[in-house]
Protein backbone atom coordinates (compact mmCIF):
# COMPACT_ATOMS: atom_id res chain seq x y z
CA MET A 1 -1.39 1.48 11.34
CA THR A 2 0.33 3.77 8.67
CA GLY A 3 -0.88 4.26 5.17
CA ASP A 4 1.80 1.93 3.85
CA GLU A 5 0.91 -0.76 6.34
CA SER A 6 -2.88 -0.45 5.42
CA PHE A 7 -1.99 -0.54 1.80
CA ILE A 8 0.11 -3.88 2.32
CA ALA A 9 -2.63 -5.44 4.50
CA ALA A 10 -5.13 -4.66 2.01
CA VAL A 11 -3.24 -6.39 -0.90
CA LYS A 12 -2.11 -9.21 0.98
CA PRO A 13 -5.18 -11.50 0.68
CA LEU A 14 -4.72 -10.97 -3.12
CA VAL A 15 -1.24 -11.94 -3.04
CA ASP A 16 -1.77 -14.89 -0.85
CA ALA A 17 -4.52 -16.18 -3.32
CA MET A 18 -2.06 -15.90 -6.19
CA GLY A 19 0.48 -17.78 -4.46
CA GLY A 20 2.94 -14.60 -4.50
CA ILE A 21 5.39 -13.59 -1.84
CA MET A 22 5.59 -10.06 -0.63
CA ILE A 23 8.99 -8.37 -0.20
CA PRO A 24 10.61 -5.10 0.66
CA PRO A 25 10.64 -3.03 -2.52
CA ASP A 26 14.54 -2.59 -2.32
CA GLU A 27 14.95 -6.50 -2.61
CA ALA A 28 12.64 -6.55 -6.02
CA GLY A 29 14.15 -8.27 -8.97
CA SER A 30 13.37 -7.66 -12.59
CA GLU A 31 10.39 -10.12 -12.41
CA ASP A 32 8.90 -8.94 -9.41
CA VAL A 33 6.10 -6.43 -9.37
CA VAL A 34 6.54 -3.13 -7.21
CA LEU A 35 3.44 -1.65 -5.83
CA ALA A 36 3.38 1.99 -5.15
CA TRP A 37 1.07 3.84 -2.78
CA GLU A 38 0.64 7.59 -2.87
CA GLY A 39 3.96 7.80 -5.08
CA VAL A 40 6.07 5.55 -2.66
CA ASP A 41 7.10 2.21 -3.28
CA ALA A 42 5.39 0.17 -0.55
CA VAL A 43 5.82 -3.64 -1.23
CA ALA A 44 7.12 -5.70 -4.07
CA VAL A 45 5.33 -8.87 -5.23
CA ARG A 46 7.36 -11.88 -6.26
CA LEU A 47 4.96 -14.28 -8.47
CA PRO A 48 5.06 -17.73 -8.49
CA GLN A 49 5.91 -19.95 -11.49
CA LEU A 50 2.91 -21.06 -13.18
CA ALA A 51 3.13 -24.68 -12.08
CA ASP A 52 3.40 -23.55 -8.57
CA SER A 53 0.25 -21.50 -9.24
CA LEU A 54 -1.76 -24.55 -9.95
CA ASP A 55 -0.45 -26.36 -7.00
CA HIS A 56 -1.76 -23.35 -4.94
CA ILE A 57 -5.08 -23.02 -6.62
CA LEU A 58 -5.74 -26.84 -5.96
CA ALA A 59 -4.85 -26.23 -2.34
CA ALA A 60 -7.09 -23.33 -1.90
CA MET A 61 -9.79 -25.34 -3.65
CA GLU A 62 -9.50 -28.12 -1.07
CA ARG A 63 -9.50 -25.78 1.90
CA LYS A 64 -12.43 -24.28 0.61
CA GLU A 65 -14.35 -27.67 0.17
CA GLY A 66 -12.92 -28.81 3.62
CA ARG A 67 -11.93 -32.25 2.26
CA PRO A 68 -9.60 -33.57 -0.67
CA LEU A 69 -10.86 -32.97 -4.04
CA SER A 70 -10.66 -36.87 -4.71
CA GLU A 71 -13.66 -37.14 -2.22
CA LEU A 72 -15.96 -35.07 -4.34
CA ASP A 73 -18.75 -36.37 -6.14
CA ARG A 74 -18.69 -36.56 -9.94
CA LYS A 75 -20.58 -33.43 -10.32
CA ALA A 76 -18.45 -31.20 -7.82
CA LYS A 77 -15.37 -32.61 -9.81
CA GLN A 78 -17.00 -31.41 -13.02
CA GLU A 79 -17.31 -27.90 -11.27
CA VAL A 80 -13.74 -27.97 -10.27
CA VAL A 81 -12.29 -28.75 -13.69
CA ARG A 82 -14.67 -25.78 -15.14
CA ILE A 83 -13.41 -23.49 -12.56
CA LEU A 84 -9.79 -24.41 -13.47
CA GLU A 85 -10.40 -24.21 -17.22
CA ALA A 86 -11.68 -20.74 -16.60
CA ARG A 87 -8.44 -19.88 -14.55
CA GLY A 88 -6.14 -21.11 -17.27
CA ALA A 89 -5.05 -24.19 -15.43
CA PHE A 90 -4.83 -26.59 -18.47
CA SER A 91 -2.23 -24.12 -20.19
CA VAL A 92 0.24 -25.18 -17.61
CA ARG A 93 2.43 -28.05 -18.76
CA HIS A 94 1.01 -31.43 -17.49
CA GLY A 95 -2.12 -29.36 -16.06
CA VAL A 96 -4.26 -32.33 -17.10
CA GLU A 97 -2.08 -34.77 -15.31
CA ILE A 98 -1.96 -32.50 -12.05
CA VAL A 99 -5.50 -32.05 -12.11
CA ALA A 100 -6.48 -35.68 -12.63
CA SER A 101 -4.11 -36.73 -9.80
CA ALA A 102 -5.76 -33.95 -7.54
CA LEU A 103 -9.13 -35.28 -8.46
CA GLY A 104 -8.31 -38.77 -8.28
CA VAL A 105 -9.40 -39.68 -11.59
CA SER A 106 -7.60 -40.50 -15.05
CA ARG A 107 -6.61 -37.91 -17.56
CA PHE A 108 -9.37 -39.28 -19.98
CA THR A 109 -11.86 -38.33 -17.05
CA VAL A 110 -10.64 -34.97 -17.11
CA TYR A 111 -10.67 -34.55 -20.90
CA ASN A 112 -14.35 -35.73 -20.84
CA TYR A 113 -15.11 -33.24 -18.21
CA LEU A 114 -13.60 -30.43 -20.23
CA ASN A 115 -15.17 -31.70 -23.54
CA ARG A 116 -18.58 -31.84 -21.63
CA GLU A 117 -18.16 -27.96 -20.78
CA LYS A 118 -17.39 -27.10 -24.43
CA GLY A 119 -20.32 -29.25 -25.57
CA ALA A 120 -22.65 -27.44 -23.25
């Protein structure tokens, strides 16, 4: 494995976790992030739109839990909301609605979980 290939392999888990796409550096657009290794452009990363990132984060949380988020108990759902708030999920347009749907609860319940965290 070459140095560039090792670097690309090292950053791939991070790019995947963000929901980004790795592309050749010569195909990078103005919104893409080009990563250099030892002074040479190694790979470009196309970042997802914010709304797509939230969907990606929710899917990753479901994979981690091993079941749909809607099947979690109340305490676990509150923890999911806490993590999502820390990651900025509720700054995305319709973030509360998207999360409420994924958790199988109402928007009101998500707001209650958020207010509970702020009061703690």
